[in-house]
Amino acid sequence: MSSNSIRISAELFEHAQRHGEVLSRSAAQQLEHWARLGAALEQSGLSVGELVELLHGDKATRNPPESTLWAAKRAQQARDIAAIESGRASNESMSWFSGGRARRAKAIKSPL
């Protein structure tokens, strides 16, 4: 795997080092992990305003009830299935559809 150099602040690097040590990650691995999380958040369908609210909101907003999280997950699954069925997205473009399971995929119901 090739790599590229980037400039980041010393503070962010030290923060990544500290957090990465907990899970035996290097600072670079921790930053890559955070970048993947950030990309997933952006692709989640939440608006920028909703993301900001989650990041800066009150405790109830930052820690929504589990039932709210399951409802959001089911809604995202339904959107993903509709995109596959309509041809707007391919099985390969969605990791949880890998292996050709898209035709059998259904939004799950949470017991919550």
C-alpha atoms as a PDB file:
ATOM      1  CA  MET A   1       0.000   0.000   0.000  1.00  0.00           C
ATOM      2  CA  SER A   2       1.396   3.376  -0.925  1.00  0.00           C
ATOM      3  CA  SER A   3       1.301   6.342   1.390  1.00  0.00           C
ATOM      4  CA  ASN A   4       1.465  10.107   1.147  1.00  0.00           C
ATOM      5  CA  SER A   5       2.718  12.702   3.553  1.00  0.00           C
ATOM      6  CA  ILE A   6       0.371  15.350   4.886  1.00  0.00           C
ATOM      7  CA  ARG A   7       0.779  18.206   7.346  1.00  0.00           C
ATOM      8  CA  ILE A   8      -1.301  18.183  10.502  1.00  0.00           C
ATOM      9  CA  SER A   9      -0.971  20.131  13.692  1.00  0.00           C
ATOM     10  CA  ALA A  10       1.286  18.784  16.418  1.00  0.00           C
ATOM     11  CA  GLU A  11      -1.712  18.887  18.757  1.00  0.00           C
ATOM     12  CA  LEU A  12      -3.792  16.610  16.486  1.00  0.00           C
ATOM     13  CA  PHE A  13      -0.839  14.240  16.042  1.00  0.00           C
ATOM     14  CA  GLU A  14      -0.341  13.972  19.819  1.00  0.00           C
ATOM     15  CA  HIS A  15      -4.079  13.475  20.314  1.00  0.00           C
ATOM     16  CA  ALA A  16      -4.028  10.625  17.753  1.00  0.00           C
ATOM     17  CA  GLN A  17      -0.980   9.091  19.456  1.00  0.00           C
ATOM     18  CA  ARG A  18      -2.698   9.077  22.855  1.00  0.00           C
ATOM     19  CA  HIS A  19      -5.968   7.641  21.562  1.00  0.00           C
ATOM     20  CA  GLY A  20      -4.239   5.177  19.243  1.00  0.00           C
ATOM     21  CA  GLU A  21      -2.200   3.634  22.057  1.00  0.00           C
ATOM     22  CA  VAL A  22      -5.377   2.347  23.696  1.00  0.00           C
ATOM     23  CA  LEU A  23      -6.127   0.126  20.681  1.00  0.00           C
ATOM     24  CA  SER A  24      -2.496  -0.517  19.678  1.00  0.00           C
ATOM     25  CA  ARG A  25      -2.712   1.837  16.702  1.00  0.00           C
ATOM     26  CA  SER A  26      -0.010   4.149  15.477  1.00  0.00           C
ATOM     27  CA  ALA A  27      -0.854   7.833  15.178  1.00  0.00           C
ATOM     28  CA  ALA A  28      -1.235   7.360  11.409  1.00  0.00           C
ATOM     29  CA  GLN A  29      -3.564   4.394  11.890  1.00  0.00           C
ATOM     30  CA  GLN A  30      -5.650   6.372  14.374  1.00  0.00           C
ATOM     31  CA  LEU A  31      -5.929   9.314  11.987  1.00  0.00           C
ATOM     32  CA  GLU A  32      -6.973   6.940   9.174  1.00  0.00           C
ATOM     33  CA  HIS A  33      -9.585   5.453  11.503  1.00  0.00           C
ATOM     34  CA  TRP A  34     -10.948   8.906  12.331  1.00  0.00           C
ATOM     35  CA  ALA A  35     -10.972   9.795   8.625  1.00  0.00           C
ATOM     36  CA  ARG A  36     -13.011   6.665   7.806  1.00  0.00           C
ATOM     37  CA  LEU A  37     -15.475   7.520  10.594  1.00  0.00           C
ATOM     38  CA  GLY A  38     -15.794  11.055   9.280  1.00  0.00           C
ATOM     39  CA  ALA A  39     -16.389   9.802   5.739  1.00  0.00           C
ATOM     40  CA  ALA A  40     -19.048   7.387   7.011  1.00  0.00           C
ATOM     41  CA  LEU A  41     -20.786  10.220   8.863  1.00  0.00           C
ATOM     42  CA  GLU A  42     -20.811  12.346   5.729  1.00  0.00           C
ATOM     43  CA  GLN A  43     -22.260   9.454   3.707  1.00  0.00           C
ATOM     44  CA  SER A  44     -24.883   8.648   6.359  1.00  0.00           C
ATOM     45  CA  GLY A  45     -27.384  11.044   4.873  1.00  0.00           C
ATOM     46  CA  LEU A  46     -27.321  13.421   7.822  1.00  0.00           C
ATOM     47  CA  SER A  47     -27.195  17.079   6.923  1.00  0.00           C
ATOM     48  CA  VAL A  48     -24.272  19.232   8.011  1.00  0.00           C
ATOM     49  CA  GLY A  49     -26.606  20.916  10.479  1.00  0.00           C
ATOM     50  CA  GLU A  50     -27.589  17.560  11.978  1.00  0.00           C
ATOM     51  CA  LEU A  51     -23.935  16.557  12.309  1.00  0.00           C
ATOM     52  CA  VAL A  52     -23.100  19.853  13.994  1.00  0.00           C
ATOM     53  CA  GLU A  53     -26.058  19.372  16.326  1.00  0.00           C
ATOM     54  CA  LEU A  54     -24.820  15.885  17.207  1.00  0.00           C
ATOM     55  CA  LEU A  55     -21.315  17.176  17.852  1.00  0.00           C
ATOM     56  CA  HIS A  56     -22.290  20.295  19.803  1.00  0.00           C
ATOM     57  CA  GLY A  57     -25.789  19.571  21.029  1.00  0.00           C
ATOM     58  CA  ASP A  58     -26.999  18.930  24.527  1.00  0.00           C
ATOM     59  CA  LYS A  59     -26.464  15.567  26.207  1.00  0.00           C
ATOM     60  CA  ALA A  60     -29.754  14.161  24.891  1.00  0.00           C
ATOM     61  CA  THR A  61     -28.734  15.071  21.345  1.00  0.00           C
ATOM     62  CA  ARG A  62     -25.216  13.653  21.705  1.00  0.00           C
ATOM     63  CA  ASN A  63     -26.537  10.437  23.253  1.00  0.00           C
ATOM     64  CA  PRO A  64     -29.831   9.681  21.532  1.00  0.00           C
ATOM     65  CA  PRO A  65     -31.857   6.730  22.803  1.00  0.00           C
ATOM     66  CA  GLU A  66     -30.933   3.389  21.289  1.00  0.00           C
ATOM     67  CA  SER A  67     -34.362   3.151  19.661  1.00  0.00           C
ATOM     68  CA  THR A  68     -33.593   6.361  17.730  1.00  0.00           C
ATOM     69  CA  LEU A  69     -30.330   4.897  16.484  1.00  0.00           C
ATOM     70  CA  TRP A  70     -32.088   1.685  15.356  1.00  0.00           C
ATOM     71  CA  ALA A  71     -34.761   3.729  13.578  1.00  0.00           C
ATOM     72  CA  ALA A  72     -32.056   5.674  11.734  1.00  0.00           C
ATOM     73  CA  LYS A  73     -30.308   2.411  10.815  1.00  0.00           C
ATOM     74  CA  ARG A  74     -33.550   0.906   9.452  1.00  0.00           C
ATOM     75  CA  ALA A  75     -34.244   4.077   7.454  1.00  0.00           C
ATOM     76  CA  GLN A  76     -30.729   4.000   5.965  1.00  0.00           C
ATOM     77  CA  GLN A  77     -31.133   0.317   5.086  1.00  0.00           C
ATOM     78  CA  ALA A  78     -34.428   1.071   3.349  1.00  0.00           C
ATOM     79  CA  ARG A  79     -32.773   3.885   1.339  1.00  0.00           C
ATOM     80  CA  ASP A  80     -29.883   1.578   0.416  1.00  0.00           C
ATOM     81  CA  ILE A  81     -32.222  -1.212  -0.715  1.00  0.00           C
ATOM     82  CA  ALA A  82     -34.270   1.241  -2.784  1.00  0.00           C
ATOM     83  CA  ALA A  83     -31.079   2.560  -4.421  1.00  0.00           C
ATOM     84  CA  ILE A  84     -29.997  -0.985  -5.321  1.00  0.00           C
ATOM     85  CA  GLU A  85     -33.430  -1.967  -6.626  1.00  0.00           C
ATOM     86  CA  SER A  86     -33.734   1.191  -8.748  1.00  0.00           C
ATOM     87  CA  GLY A  87     -30.244   0.770 -10.189  1.00  0.00           C
ATOM     88  CA  ARG A  88     -28.948   4.052  -8.705  1.00  0.00           C
ATOM     89  CA  ALA A  89     -26.325   2.066  -6.781  1.00  0.00           C
ATOM     90  CA  SER A  90     -24.639  -1.299  -7.259  1.00  0.00           C
ATOM     91  CA  ASN A  91     -24.202  -4.127  -4.795  1.00  0.00           C
ATOM     92  CA  GLU A  92     -20.473  -3.455  -4.792  1.00  0.00           C
ATOM     93  CA  SER A  93     -20.929   0.184  -3.856  1.00  0.00           C
ATOM     94  CA  MET A  94     -22.345  -0.754  -0.464  1.00  0.00           C
ATOM     95  CA  SER A  95     -20.177  -2.943   1.689  1.00  0.00           C
ATOM     96  CA  TRP A  96     -23.023  -4.579   3.565  1.00  0.00           C
ATOM     97  CA  PHE A  97     -24.413  -5.727   0.204  1.00  0.00           C
ATOM     98  CA  SER A  98     -21.184  -7.474  -0.787  1.00  0.00           C
ATOM     99  CA  GLY A  99     -21.426 -11.105  -1.766  1.00  0.00           C
ATOM    100  CA  GLY A 100     -24.596 -10.683  -3.869  1.00  0.00           C
ATOM    101  CA  ARG A 101     -26.991 -10.550  -0.919  1.00  0.00           C
ATOM    102  CA  ALA A 102     -28.801  -7.398  -2.092  1.00  0.00           C
ATOM    103  CA  ARG A 103     -31.835  -9.238  -3.469  1.00  0.00           C
ATOM    104  CA  ARG A 104     -32.374 -10.994  -0.125  1.00  0.00           C
ATOM    105  CA  ALA A 105     -31.665  -7.906   1.999  1.00  0.00           C
ATOM    106  CA  LYS A 106     -34.459  -6.532   4.141  1.00  0.00           C
ATOM    107  CA  ALA A 107     -34.545  -3.742   6.692  1.00  0.00           C
ATOM    108  CA  ILE A 108     -34.386  -5.414  10.058  1.00  0.00           C
ATOM    109  CA  LYS A 109     -36.768  -4.720  12.882  1.00  0.00           C
ATOM    110  CA  SER A 110     -35.202  -3.976  16.189  1.00  0.00           C
ATOM    111  CA  PRO A 111     -36.733  -5.341  19.376  1.00  0.00           C
ATOM    112  CA  LEU A 112     -36.362  -1.844  20.841  1.00  0.00           C
END
